[in-house]
C-alpha cells in the first residue's frame, strides 16, 4: 500500500479536528458515527486489499494481461489512499468485487 498508515493518520486527525471544532461551537457530535464509523470504512477497505493481496486475488487483477484501464485506475486510487471515495466500485463494494473480478480474469485468460 502506498502510505496507508499516513493516510489513516491524516484522515483521523482531520476528521477529529473538524468534529472538535463543531463540538466546541456547541453542536452535538456523534463521535461513534461521525468519527469511528467513518474511519472504519476506510480501514475496512485497506484490510480487504491486504487480505486479497495475500490470498492471490489482488495480484491476479494487478498483473492480468486482460485488465481494463478502469479497473487499474480503481485499484491505484485505493492504493493511493482514496479509501473513502464511494464513487469507486472497489471502495463501495470492496469485499465482493475484488474476488469476483479476480475469478473472472482467471477464467478468461488473454487470447493469443
PDB file of N, CA and C in Angstrom:
ATOM      1  N   UNK A   1       0.844  -1.172   0.000  1.00  0.00           N
ATOM      2  CA  UNK A   1       0.000   0.000   0.000  1.00  0.00           C
ATOM      3  C   UNK A   1       0.887   1.231   0.000  1.00  0.00           C
ATOM      4  N   UNK A   2       0.471   2.217  -0.743  1.00  0.00           N
ATOM      5  CA  UNK A   2       1.196   3.475  -0.748  1.00  0.00           C
ATOM      6  C   UNK A   2       0.752   4.278   0.477  1.00  0.00           C
ATOM      7  N   UNK A   3       1.551   4.334   1.490  1.00  0.00           N
ATOM      8  CA  UNK A   3       1.350   5.174   2.675  1.00  0.00           C
ATOM      9  C   UNK A   3      -0.031   5.038   3.323  1.00  0.00           C
ATOM     10  N   UNK A   4      -0.533   3.830   3.477  1.00  0.00           N
ATOM     11  CA  UNK A   4      -1.846   3.656   4.104  1.00  0.00           C
ATOM     12  C   UNK A   4      -1.846   4.161   5.537  1.00  0.00           C
ATOM     13  N   UNK A   5      -0.756   3.948   6.252  1.00  0.00           N
ATOM     14  CA  UNK A   5      -0.678   4.439   7.626  1.00  0.00           C
ATOM     15  C   UNK A   5      -0.736   5.951   7.696  1.00  0.00           C
ATOM     16  N   UNK A   6      -0.048   6.602   6.778  1.00  0.00           N
ATOM     17  CA  UNK A   6      -0.076   8.069   6.730  1.00  0.00           C
ATOM     18  C   UNK A   6      -1.476   8.550   6.366  1.00  0.00           C
ATOM     19  N   UNK A   7      -2.098   7.900   5.409  1.00  0.00           N
ATOM     20  CA  UNK A   7      -3.466   8.268   5.017  1.00  0.00           C
ATOM     21  C   UNK A   7      -4.405   8.179   6.208  1.00  0.00           C
ATOM     22  N   UNK A   8      -4.348   7.055   6.938  1.00  0.00           N
ATOM     23  CA  UNK A   8      -5.242   6.873   8.084  1.00  0.00           C
ATOM     24  C   UNK A   8      -4.945   7.887   9.189  1.00  0.00           C
ATOM     25  N   UNK A   9      -3.683   8.170   9.433  1.00  0.00           N
ATOM     26  CA  UNK A   9      -3.319   9.144  10.468  1.00  0.00           C
ATOM     27  C   UNK A   9      -3.817  10.542  10.109  1.00  0.00           C
ATOM     28  N   UNK A  10      -3.589  10.946   8.865  1.00  0.00           N
ATOM     29  CA  UNK A  10      -4.018  12.283   8.452  1.00  0.00           C
ATOM     30  C   UNK A  10      -5.541  12.411   8.425  1.00  0.00           C
ATOM     31  N   UNK A  11      -6.219  11.381   7.935  1.00  0.00           N
ATOM     32  CA  UNK A  11      -7.684  11.435   7.894  1.00  0.00           C
ATOM     33  C   UNK A  11      -8.266  11.465   9.300  1.00  0.00           C
ATOM     34  N   UNK A  12      -7.715  10.668  10.202  1.00  0.00           N
ATOM     35  CA  UNK A  12      -8.249  10.661  11.568  1.00  0.00           C
ATOM     36  C   UNK A  12      -8.011  12.012  12.241  1.00  0.00           C
ATOM     37  N   UNK A  13      -6.844  12.613  12.026  1.00  0.00           N
ATOM     38  CA  UNK A  13      -6.559  13.927  12.603  1.00  0.00           C
ATOM     39  C   UNK A  13      -7.485  14.994  12.013  1.00  0.00           C
ATOM     40  N   UNK A  14      -7.668  14.955  10.704  1.00  0.00           N
ATOM     41  CA  UNK A  14      -8.529  15.927  10.036  1.00  0.00           C
ATOM     42  C   UNK A  14      -9.974  15.792  10.508  1.00  0.00           C
ATOM     43  N   UNK A  15     -10.460  14.571  10.551  1.00  0.00           N
ATOM     44  CA  UNK A  15     -11.839  14.324  10.968  1.00  0.00           C
ATOM     45  C   UNK A  15     -12.038  14.723  12.431  1.00  0.00           C
ATOM     46  N   UNK A  16     -11.081  14.369  13.296  1.00  0.00           N
ATOM     47  CA  UNK A  16     -11.182  14.719  14.708  1.00  0.00           C
ATOM     48  C   UNK A  16     -11.171  16.231  14.900  1.00  0.00           C
ATOM     49  N   UNK A  17     -10.333  16.929  14.149  1.00  0.00           N
ATOM     50  CA  UNK A  17     -10.268  18.391  14.263  1.00  0.00           C
ATOM     51  C   UNK A  17     -11.595  19.030  13.860  1.00  0.00           C
ATOM     52  N   UNK A  18     -12.154  18.589  12.733  1.00  0.00           N
ATOM     53  CA  UNK A  18     -13.441  19.144  12.272  1.00  0.00           C
ATOM     54  C   UNK A  18     -14.544  18.922  13.301  1.00  0.00           C
ATOM     55  N   UNK A  19     -14.585  17.707  13.844  1.00  0.00           N
ATOM     56  CA  UNK A  19     -15.631  17.380  14.815  1.00  0.00           C
ATOM     57  C   UNK A  19     -15.422  18.123  16.135  1.00  0.00           C
ATOM     58  N   UNK A  20     -14.170  18.291  16.534  1.00  0.00           N
ATOM     59  CA  UNK A  20     -13.875  19.025  17.769  1.00  0.00           C
ATOM     60  C   UNK A  20     -14.296  20.486  17.635  1.00  0.00           C
ATOM     61  N   UNK A  21     -14.019  21.089  16.496  1.00  0.00           N
ATOM     62  CA  UNK A  21     -14.428  22.476  16.260  1.00  0.00           C
ATOM     63  C   UNK A  21     -15.946  22.604  16.351  1.00  0.00           C
ATOM     64  N   UNK A  22     -16.647  21.670  15.746  1.00  0.00           N
ATOM     65  CA  UNK A  22     -18.117  21.692  15.819  1.00  0.00           C
ATOM     66  C   UNK A  22     -18.593  21.551  17.255  1.00  0.00           C
ATOM     67  N   UNK A  23     -17.994  20.611  17.983  1.00  0.00           N
ATOM     68  CA  UNK A  23     -18.421  20.377  19.364  1.00  0.00           C
ATOM     69  C   UNK A  23     -18.105  21.594  20.253  1.00  0.00           C
ATOM     70  N   UNK A  24     -16.937  22.181  20.069  1.00  0.00           N
ATOM     71  CA  UNK A  24     -16.586  23.375  20.838  1.00  0.00           C
ATOM     72  C   UNK A  24     -17.495  24.548  20.500  1.00  0.00           C
ATOM     73  N   UNK A  25     -18.080  24.514  19.311  1.00  0.00           N
ATOM     74  CA  UNK A  25     -19.038  25.543  18.900  1.00  0.00           C
ATOM     75  C   UNK A  25     -20.442  25.292  19.432  1.00  0.00           C
ATOM     76  N   UNK A  26     -20.596  24.248  20.227  1.00  0.00           N
ATOM     77  CA  UNK A  26     -21.883  23.969  20.850  1.00  0.00           C
ATOM     78  C   UNK A  26     -22.732  22.945  20.129  1.00  0.00           C
ATOM     79  N   UNK A  27     -22.246  22.428  19.015  1.00  0.00           N
ATOM     80  CA  UNK A  27     -23.004  21.436  18.255  1.00  0.00           C
ATOM     81  C   UNK A  27     -22.805  20.046  18.861  1.00  0.00           C
ATOM     82  N   UNK A  28     -23.847  19.252  18.846  1.00  0.00           N
ATOM     83  CA  UNK A  28     -23.763  17.867  19.324  1.00  0.00           C
ATOM     84  C   UNK A  28     -23.111  17.028  18.226  1.00  0.00           C
ATOM     85  N   UNK A  29     -22.077  16.280  18.592  1.00  0.00           N
ATOM     86  CA  UNK A  29     -21.349  15.435  17.646  1.00  0.00           C
ATOM     87  C   UNK A  29     -21.509  13.979  18.063  1.00  0.00           C
ATOM     88  N   UNK A  30     -21.874  13.148  17.121  1.00  0.00           N
ATOM     89  CA  UNK A  30     -21.962  11.702  17.362  1.00  0.00           C
ATOM     90  C   UNK A  30     -20.618  11.092  16.964  1.00  0.00           C
ATOM     91  N   UNK A  31     -19.716  10.968  17.925  1.00  0.00           N
ATOM     92  CA  UNK A  31     -18.357  10.512  17.650  1.00  0.00           C
ATOM     93  C   UNK A  31     -18.324   9.093  17.100  1.00  0.00           C
ATOM     94  N   UNK A  32     -19.237   8.237  17.555  1.00  0.00           N
ATOM     95  CA  UNK A  32     -19.258   6.864  17.032  1.00  0.00           C
ATOM     96  C   UNK A  32     -19.582   6.852  15.547  1.00  0.00           C
ATOM     97  N   UNK A  33     -20.581   7.600  15.155  1.00  0.00           N
ATOM     98  CA  UNK A  33     -20.994   7.603  13.751  1.00  0.00           C
ATOM     99  C   UNK A  33     -20.082   8.461  12.891  1.00  0.00           C
ATOM    100  N   UNK A  34     -19.785   9.663  13.348  1.00  0.00           N
ATOM    101  CA  UNK A  34     -19.066  10.617  12.512  1.00  0.00           C
ATOM    102  C   UNK A  34     -17.549  10.429  12.509  1.00  0.00           C
ATOM    103  N   UNK A  35     -17.021   9.779  13.544  1.00  0.00           N
ATOM    104  CA  UNK A  35     -15.571   9.545  13.566  1.00  0.00           C
ATOM    105  C   UNK A  35     -15.265   8.057  13.430  1.00  0.00           C
ATOM    106  N   UNK A  36     -15.692   7.269  14.402  1.00  0.00           N
ATOM    107  CA  UNK A  36     -15.326   5.845  14.419  1.00  0.00           C
ATOM    108  C   UNK A  36     -15.833   5.100  13.187  1.00  0.00           C
ATOM    109  N   UNK A  37     -17.113   5.266  12.860  1.00  0.00           N
ATOM    110  CA  UNK A  37     -17.669   4.547  11.703  1.00  0.00           C
ATOM    111  C   UNK A  37     -17.009   5.023  10.412  1.00  0.00           C
ATOM    112  N   UNK A  38     -16.760   6.317  10.315  1.00  0.00           N
ATOM    113  CA  UNK A  38     -16.085   6.872   9.129  1.00  0.00           C
ATOM    114  C   UNK A  38     -14.700   6.254   8.975  1.00  0.00           C
ATOM    115  N   UNK A  39     -13.936   6.230  10.047  1.00  0.00           N
ATOM    116  CA  UNK A  39     -12.586   5.670   9.978  1.00  0.00           C
ATOM    117  C   UNK A  39     -12.620   4.181   9.644  1.00  0.00           C
ATOM    118  N   UNK A  40     -13.559   3.458  10.226  1.00  0.00           N
ATOM    119  CA  UNK A  40     -13.639   2.013   9.973  1.00  0.00           C
ATOM    120  C   UNK A  40     -13.967   1.700   8.521  1.00  0.00           C
ATOM    121  N   UNK A  41     -14.723   2.563   7.846  1.00  0.00           N
ATOM    122  CA  UNK A  41     -14.992   2.333   6.422  1.00  0.00           C
ATOM    123  C   UNK A  41     -13.680   2.312   5.640  1.00  0.00           C
ATOM    124  N   UNK A  42     -12.809   3.273   5.896  1.00  0.00           N
ATOM    125  CA  UNK A  42     -11.515   3.310   5.209  1.00  0.00           C
ATOM    126  C   UNK A  42     -10.611   2.161   5.618  1.00  0.00           C
ATOM    127  N   UNK A  43     -10.580   1.855   6.904  1.00  0.00           N
ATOM    128  CA  UNK A  43      -9.761   0.753   7.408  1.00  0.00           C
ATOM    129  C   UNK A  43     -10.214  -0.569   6.803  1.00  0.00           C
ATOM    130  N   UNK A  44     -11.518  -0.755   6.695  1.00  0.00           N
ATOM    131  CA  UNK A  44     -12.042  -1.994   6.104  1.00  0.00           C
ATOM    132  C   UNK A  44     -11.621  -2.157   4.648  1.00  0.00           C
ATOM    133  N   UNK A  45     -11.587  -1.067   3.905  1.00  0.00           N
ATOM    134  CA  UNK A  45     -11.147  -1.137   2.504  1.00  0.00           C
ATOM    135  C   UNK A  45      -9.677  -1.543   2.450  1.00  0.00           C
ATOM    136  N   UNK A  46      -8.838  -0.884   3.242  1.00  0.00           N
ATOM    137  CA  UNK A  46      -7.419  -1.260   3.285  1.00  0.00           C
ATOM    138  C   UNK A  46      -7.256  -2.718   3.705  1.00  0.00           C
ATOM    139  N   UNK A  47      -8.028  -3.136   4.710  1.00  0.00           N
ATOM    140  CA  UNK A  47      -7.942  -4.525   5.196  1.00  0.00           C
ATOM    141  C   UNK A  47      -8.293  -5.514   4.078  1.00  0.00           C
ATOM    142  N   UNK A  48      -9.334  -5.217   3.326  1.00  0.00           N
ATOM    143  CA  UNK A  48      -9.707  -6.100   2.219  1.00  0.00           C
ATOM    144  C   UNK A  48      -8.588  -6.181   1.196  1.00  0.00           C
ATOM    145  N   UNK A  49      -7.979  -5.052   0.863  1.00  0.00           N
ATOM    146  CA  UNK A  49      -6.903  -5.064  -0.128  1.00  0.00           C
ATOM    147  C   UNK A  49      -5.698  -5.859   0.365  1.00  0.00           C
ATOM    148  N   UNK A  50      -5.358  -5.731   1.634  1.00  0.00           N
ATOM    149  CA  UNK A  50      -4.239  -6.507   2.186  1.00  0.00           C
ATOM    150  C   UNK A  50      -4.580  -7.993   2.176  1.00  0.00           C
ATOM    151  N   UNK A  51      -5.763  -8.331   2.655  1.00  0.00           N
ATOM    152  CA  UNK A  51      -6.191  -9.737   2.681  1.00  0.00           C
ATOM    153  C   UNK A  51      -6.222 -10.320   1.282  1.00  0.00           C
ATOM    154  N   UNK A  52      -6.760  -9.572   0.339  1.00  0.00           N
ATOM    155  CA  UNK A  52      -6.871 -10.058  -1.040  1.00  0.00           C
ATOM    156  C   UNK A  52      -5.528 -10.087  -1.756  1.00  0.00           C
ATOM    157  N   UNK A  53      -4.558  -9.340  -1.262  1.00  0.00           N
ATOM    158  CA  UNK A  53      -3.203  -9.470  -1.808  1.00  0.00           C
ATOM    159  C   UNK A  53      -2.648 -10.833  -1.435  1.00  0.00           C
ATOM    160  N   UNK A  54      -2.776 -11.188  -0.162  1.00  0.00           N
ATOM    161  CA  UNK A  54      -2.184 -12.429   0.326  1.00  0.00           C
ATOM    162  C   UNK A  54      -2.945 -13.679  -0.100  1.00  0.00           C
ATOM    163  N   UNK A  55      -4.230 -13.545  -0.451  1.00  0.00           N
ATOM    164  CA  UNK A  55      -4.938 -14.734  -0.948  1.00  0.00           C
ATOM    165  C   UNK A  55      -4.790 -14.891  -2.458  1.00  0.00           C
ATOM    166  N   UNK A  56      -4.113 -13.927  -3.108  1.00  0.00           N
ATOM    167  CA  UNK A  56      -3.828 -14.027  -4.532  1.00  0.00           C
ATOM    168  C   UNK A  56      -4.804 -13.304  -5.440  1.00  0.00           C
ATOM    169  N   UNK A  57      -5.923 -12.864  -4.908  1.00  0.00           N
ATOM    170  CA  UNK A  57      -6.921 -12.197  -5.748  1.00  0.00           C
ATOM    171  C   UNK A  57      -6.404 -10.883  -6.326  1.00  0.00           C
ATOM    172  N   UNK A  58      -5.812 -10.058  -5.493  1.00  0.00           N
ATOM    173  CA  UNK A  58      -5.335  -8.761  -5.962  1.00  0.00           C
ATOM    174  C   UNK A  58      -4.171  -8.898  -6.944  1.00  0.00           C
ATOM    175  N   UNK A  59      -3.178  -9.769  -6.686  1.00  0.00           N
ATOM    176  CA  UNK A  59      -2.138  -9.948  -7.705  1.00  0.00           C
ATOM    177  C   UNK A  59      -2.694 -10.451  -9.041  1.00  0.00           C
ATOM    178  N   UNK A  60      -3.709 -11.313  -8.983  1.00  0.00           N
ATOM    179  CA  UNK A  60      -4.334 -11.794 -10.214  1.00  0.00           C
ATOM    180  C   UNK A  60      -4.870 -10.611 -11.017  1.00  0.00           C
ATOM    181  N   UNK A  61      -5.533  -9.686 -10.346  1.00  0.00           N
ATOM    182  CA  UNK A  61      -6.049  -8.492 -11.029  1.00  0.00           C
ATOM    183  C   UNK A  61      -4.920  -7.571 -11.457  1.00  0.00           C
ATOM    184  N   UNK A  62      -4.002  -7.371 -10.563  1.00  0.00           N
ATOM    185  CA  UNK A  62      -2.909  -6.429 -10.778  1.00  0.00           C
ATOM    186  C   UNK A  62      -2.072  -6.775 -12.005  1.00  0.00           C
ATOM    187  N   UNK A  63      -1.790  -8.045 -12.181  1.00  0.00           N
ATOM    188  CA  UNK A  63      -0.858  -8.468 -13.224  1.00  0.00           C
ATOM    189  C   UNK A  63      -1.542  -9.103 -14.435  1.00  0.00           C
ATOM    190  N   UNK A  64      -2.859  -9.030 -14.492  1.00  0.00           N
ATOM    191  CA  UNK A  64      -3.594  -9.605 -15.608  1.00  0.00           C
ATOM    192  C   UNK A  64      -3.307  -8.861 -16.906  1.00  0.00           C
ATOM    193  N   UNK A  65      -3.105  -9.613 -17.972  1.00  0.00           N
ATOM    194  CA  UNK A  65      -2.892  -9.011 -19.285  1.00  0.00           C
ATOM    195  C   UNK A  65      -4.211  -8.526 -19.895  1.00  0.00           C
ATOM    196  N   UNK A  66      -5.341  -8.952 -19.303  1.00  0.00           N
ATOM    197  CA  UNK A  66      -6.650  -8.533 -19.810  1.00  0.00           C
ATOM    198  C   UNK A  66      -7.279  -7.442 -18.953  1.00  0.00           C
ATOM    199  N   UNK A  67      -6.515  -6.902 -18.031  1.00  0.00           N
ATOM    200  CA  UNK A  67      -7.037  -5.888 -17.120  1.00  0.00           C
ATOM    201  C   UNK A  67      -7.495  -4.643 -17.878  1.00  0.00           C
ATOM    202  N   UNK A  68      -8.657  -4.180 -17.535  1.00  0.00           N
ATOM    203  CA  UNK A  68      -9.176  -2.952 -18.135  1.00  0.00           C
ATOM    204  C   UNK A  68      -8.551  -1.747 -17.449  1.00  0.00           C
ATOM    205  N   UNK A  69      -8.386  -0.681 -18.196  1.00  0.00           N
ATOM    206  CA  UNK A  69      -7.796   0.543 -17.641  1.00  0.00           C
ATOM    207  C   UNK A  69      -8.619   1.074 -16.473  1.00  0.00           C
ATOM    208  N   UNK A  70      -9.934   0.939 -16.535  1.00  0.00           N
ATOM    209  CA  UNK A  70     -10.782   1.445 -15.450  1.00  0.00           C
ATOM    210  C   UNK A  70     -10.534   0.684 -14.152  1.00  0.00           C
ATOM    211  N   UNK A  71     -10.336  -0.621 -14.243  1.00  0.00           N
ATOM    212  CA  UNK A  71     -10.052  -1.425 -13.046  1.00  0.00           C
ATOM    213  C   UNK A  71      -8.684  -1.053 -12.493  1.00  0.00           C
ATOM    214  N   UNK A  72      -7.707  -0.897 -13.367  1.00  0.00           N
ATOM    215  CA  UNK A  72      -6.366  -0.485 -12.934  1.00  0.00           C
ATOM    216  C   UNK A  72      -6.444   0.857 -12.196  1.00  0.00           C
ATOM    217  N   UNK A  73      -7.195   1.781 -12.740  1.00  0.00           N
ATOM    218  CA  UNK A  73      -7.352   3.094 -12.124  1.00  0.00           C
ATOM    219  C   UNK A  73      -8.031   3.000 -10.753  1.00  0.00           C
ATOM    220  N   UNK A  74      -9.045   2.152 -10.656  1.00  0.00           N
ATOM    221  CA  UNK A  74      -9.741   1.970  -9.386  1.00  0.00           C
ATOM    222  C   UNK A  74      -8.818   1.371  -8.328  1.00  0.00           C
ATOM    223  N   UNK A  75      -8.010   0.392  -8.718  1.00  0.00           N
ATOM    224  CA  UNK A  75      -7.056  -0.224  -7.792  1.00  0.00           C
ATOM    225  C   UNK A  75      -6.022   0.810  -7.345  1.00  0.00           C
ATOM    226  N   UNK A  76      -5.455   1.526  -8.291  1.00  0.00           N
ATOM    227  CA  UNK A  76      -4.420   2.527  -7.975  1.00  0.00           C
ATOM    228  C   UNK A  76      -4.976   3.629  -7.081  1.00  0.00           C
ATOM    229  N   UNK A  77      -6.218   3.999  -7.289  1.00  0.00           N
ATOM    230  CA  UNK A  77      -6.849   5.016  -6.455  1.00  0.00           C
ATOM    231  C   UNK A  77      -6.907   4.559  -4.996  1.00  0.00           C
ATOM    232  N   UNK A  78      -7.317   3.315  -4.782  1.00  0.00           N
ATOM    233  CA  UNK A  78      -7.361   2.785  -3.415  1.00  0.00           C
ATOM    234  C   UNK A  78      -5.958   2.709  -2.836  1.00  0.00           C
ATOM    235  N   UNK A  79      -5.022   2.191  -3.600  1.00  0.00           N
ATOM    236  CA  UNK A  79      -3.650   2.084  -3.104  1.00  0.00           C
ATOM    237  C   UNK A  79      -3.041   3.460  -2.822  1.00  0.00           C
ATOM    238  N   UNK A  80      -3.540   4.465  -3.503  1.00  0.00           N
ATOM    239  CA  UNK A  80      -3.085   5.832  -3.276  1.00  0.00           C
ATOM    240  C   UNK A  80      -3.747   6.491  -2.077  1.00  0.00           C
ATOM    241  N   UNK A  81      -4.688   5.798  -1.445  1.00  0.00           N
ATOM    242  CA  UNK A  81      -5.285   6.312  -0.218  1.00  0.00           C
ATOM    243  C   UNK A  81      -6.713   6.793  -0.313  1.00  0.00           C
ATOM    244  N   UNK A  82      -7.319   6.682  -1.473  1.00  0.00           N
ATOM    245  CA  UNK A  82      -8.693   7.163  -1.640  1.00  0.00           C
ATOM    246  C   UNK A  82      -9.698   6.096  -1.215  1.00  0.00           C
ATOM    247  N   UNK A  83      -9.622   5.697   0.040  1.00  0.00           N
ATOM    248  CA  UNK A  83     -10.434   4.599   0.553  1.00  0.00           C
ATOM    249  C   UNK A  83     -11.810   5.037   1.050  1.00  0.00           C
ATOM    250  N   UNK A  84     -12.105   6.322   0.943  1.00  0.00           N
ATOM    251  CA  UNK A  84     -13.428   6.826   1.315  1.00  0.00           C
ATOM    252  C   UNK A  84     -14.183   7.304   0.075  1.00  0.00           C
ATOM    253  N   UNK A  85     -13.663   7.057  -1.101  1.00  0.00           N
ATOM    254  CA  UNK A  85     -14.279   7.512  -2.349  1.00  0.00           C
ATOM    255  C   UNK A  85     -15.354   6.512  -2.777  1.00  0.00           C
ATOM    256  N   UNK A  86     -16.579   6.746  -2.340  1.00  0.00           N
ATOM    257  CA  UNK A  86     -17.684   5.822  -2.606  1.00  0.00           C
ATOM    258  C   UNK A  86     -18.077   5.758  -4.083  1.00  0.00           C
ATOM    259  N   UNK A  87     -17.538   6.654  -4.919  1.00  0.00           N
ATOM    260  CA  UNK A  87     -17.791   6.564  -6.360  1.00  0.00           C
ATOM    261  C   UNK A  87     -16.986   5.421  -6.984  1.00  0.00           C
ATOM    262  N   UNK A  88     -15.931   5.003  -6.320  1.00  0.00           N
ATOM    263  CA  UNK A  88     -15.093   3.905  -6.799  1.00  0.00           C
ATOM    264  C   UNK A  88     -15.750   2.577  -6.413  1.00  0.00           C
ATOM    265  N   UNK A  89     -16.119   1.745  -7.394  1.00  0.00           N
ATOM    266  CA  UNK A  89     -16.762   0.464  -7.076  1.00  0.00           C
ATOM    267  C   UNK A  89     -15.899  -0.440  -6.182  1.00  0.00           C
ATOM    268  N   UNK A  90     -14.579  -0.299  -6.267  1.00  0.00           N
ATOM    269  CA  UNK A  90     -13.712  -1.127  -5.425  1.00  0.00           C
ATOM    270  C   UNK A  90     -13.591  -0.575  -4.011  1.00  0.00           C
ATOM    271  N   UNK A  91     -14.170   0.563  -3.752  1.00  0.00           N
ATOM    272  CA  UNK A  91     -14.325   1.074  -2.389  1.00  0.00           C
ATOM    273  C   UNK A  91     -15.726   0.718  -1.910  1.00  0.00           C
ATOM    274  N   UNK A  92     -16.695   1.042  -2.725  1.00  0.00           N
ATOM    275  CA  UNK A  92     -18.108   0.866  -2.370  1.00  0.00           C
ATOM    276  C   UNK A  92     -18.447  -0.592  -2.057  1.00  0.00           C
ATOM    277  N   UNK A  93     -17.877  -1.519  -2.825  1.00  0.00           N
ATOM    278  CA  UNK A  93     -18.226  -2.939  -2.688  1.00  0.00           C
ATOM    279  C   UNK A  93     -16.950  -3.784  -2.709  1.00  0.00           C
ATOM    280  N   UNK A  94     -15.952  -3.368  -1.947  1.00  0.00           N
ATOM    281  CA  UNK A  94     -14.614  -3.963  -1.991  1.00  0.00           C
ATOM    282  C   UNK A  94     -14.593  -5.450  -1.665  1.00  0.00           C
ATOM    283  N   UNK A  95     -15.316  -5.868  -0.654  1.00  0.00           N
ATOM    284  CA  UNK A  95     -15.240  -7.269  -0.205  1.00  0.00           C
ATOM    285  C   UNK A  95     -15.748  -8.243  -1.266  1.00  0.00           C
ATOM    286  N   UNK A  96     -16.708  -7.827  -2.048  1.00  0.00           N
ATOM    287  CA  UNK A  96     -17.294  -8.713  -3.059  1.00  0.00           C
ATOM    288  C   UNK A  96     -16.609  -8.583  -4.413  1.00  0.00           C
ATOM    289  N   UNK A  97     -16.280  -7.379  -4.820  1.00  0.00           N
ATOM    290  CA  UNK A  97     -15.810  -7.147  -6.192  1.00  0.00           C
ATOM    291  C   UNK A  97     -14.402  -7.674  -6.471  1.00  0.00           C
ATOM    292  N   UNK A  98     -13.480  -7.539  -5.533  1.00  0.00           N
ATOM    293  CA  UNK A  98     -12.106  -7.963  -5.819  1.00  0.00           C
ATOM    294  C   UNK A  98     -12.040  -9.457  -6.118  1.00  0.00           C
ATOM    295  N   UNK A  99     -12.582 -10.333  -5.254  1.00  0.00           N
ATOM    296  CA  UNK A  99     -12.517 -11.758  -5.607  1.00  0.00           C
ATOM    297  C   UNK A  99     -13.333 -12.100  -6.853  1.00  0.00           C
ATOM    298  N   UNK A 100     -14.436 -11.416  -7.070  1.00  0.00           N
ATOM    299  CA  UNK A 100     -15.260 -11.655  -8.254  1.00  0.00           C
ATOM    300  C   UNK A 100     -14.494 -11.301  -9.525  1.00  0.00           C
ATOM    301  N   UNK A 101     -13.868 -10.130  -9.542  1.00  0.00           N
ATOM    302  CA  UNK A 101     -13.083  -9.725 -10.712  1.00  0.00           C
ATOM    303  C   UNK A 101     -11.887 -10.646 -10.930  1.00  0.00           C
ATOM    304  N   UNK A 102     -11.221 -11.038  -9.848  1.00  0.00           N
ATOM    305  CA  UNK A 102     -10.075 -11.956  -9.971  1.00  0.00           C
ATOM    306  C   UNK A 102     -10.515 -13.290 -10.555  1.00  0.00           C
ATOM    307  N   UNK A 103     -11.669 -13.765 -10.137  1.00  0.00           N
ATOM    308  CA  UNK A 103     -12.193 -15.022 -10.665  1.00  0.00           C
ATOM    309  C   UNK A 103     -12.509 -14.890 -12.154  1.00  0.00           C
ATOM    310  N   UNK A 104     -13.115 -13.783 -12.544  1.00  0.00           N
ATOM    311  CA  UNK A 104     -13.430 -13.561 -13.958  1.00  0.00           C
ATOM    312  C   UNK A 104     -12.162 -13.500 -14.802  1.00  0.00           C
ATOM    313  N   UNK A 105     -11.153 -12.790 -14.307  1.00  0.00           N
ATOM    314  CA  UNK A 105      -9.897 -12.664 -15.042  1.00  0.00           C
ATOM    315  C   UNK A 105      -9.214 -14.020 -15.184  1.00  0.00           C
ATOM    316  N   UNK A 106      -9.216 -14.805 -14.120  1.00  0.00           N
ATOM    317  CA  UNK A 106      -8.532 -16.097 -14.183  1.00  0.00           C
ATOM    318  C   UNK A 106      -9.278 -17.099 -15.066  1.00  0.00           C
ATOM    319  N   UNK A 107     -10.583 -16.929 -15.216  1.00  0.00           N
ATOM    320  CA  UNK A 107     -11.378 -17.811 -16.096  1.00  0.00           C
ATOM    321  C   UNK A 107     -11.257 -17.426 -17.562  1.00  0.00           C
ATOM    322  N   UNK A 108     -10.881 -16.175 -17.824  1.00  0.00           N
ATOM    323  CA  UNK A 108     -10.810 -15.660 -19.202  1.00  0.00           C
ATOM    324  C   UNK A 108      -9.409 -15.170 -19.506  1.00  0.00           C
ATOM    325  N   UNK A 109      -8.460 -16.089 -19.673  1.00  0.00           N
ATOM    326  CA  UNK A 109      -7.098 -15.652 -19.980  1.00  0.00           C
ATOM    327  C   UNK A 109      -7.039 -14.982 -21.358  1.00  0.00           C
ATOM    328  N   UNK A 110      -6.005 -14.181 -21.594  1.00  0.00           N
ATOM    329  CA  UNK A 110      -5.905 -13.489 -22.880  1.00  0.00           C
ATOM    330  C   UNK A 110      -5.786 -14.484 -24.039  1.00  0.00           C
ATOM    331  N   UNK A 111      -6.377 -14.120 -25.138  1.00  0.00           N
ATOM    332  CA  UNK A 111      -6.321 -14.961 -26.339  1.00  0.00           C
ATOM    333  C   UNK A 111      -5.033 -14.656 -27.120  1.00  0.00           C
ATOM    334  N   UNK A 112      -4.398 -15.695 -27.692  1.00  0.00           N
ATOM    335  CA  UNK A 112      -3.148 -15.460 -28.446  1.00  0.00           C
ATOM    336  C   UNK A 112      -3.404 -14.715 -29.739  1.00  0.00           C
TER     337      UNK A 112
END
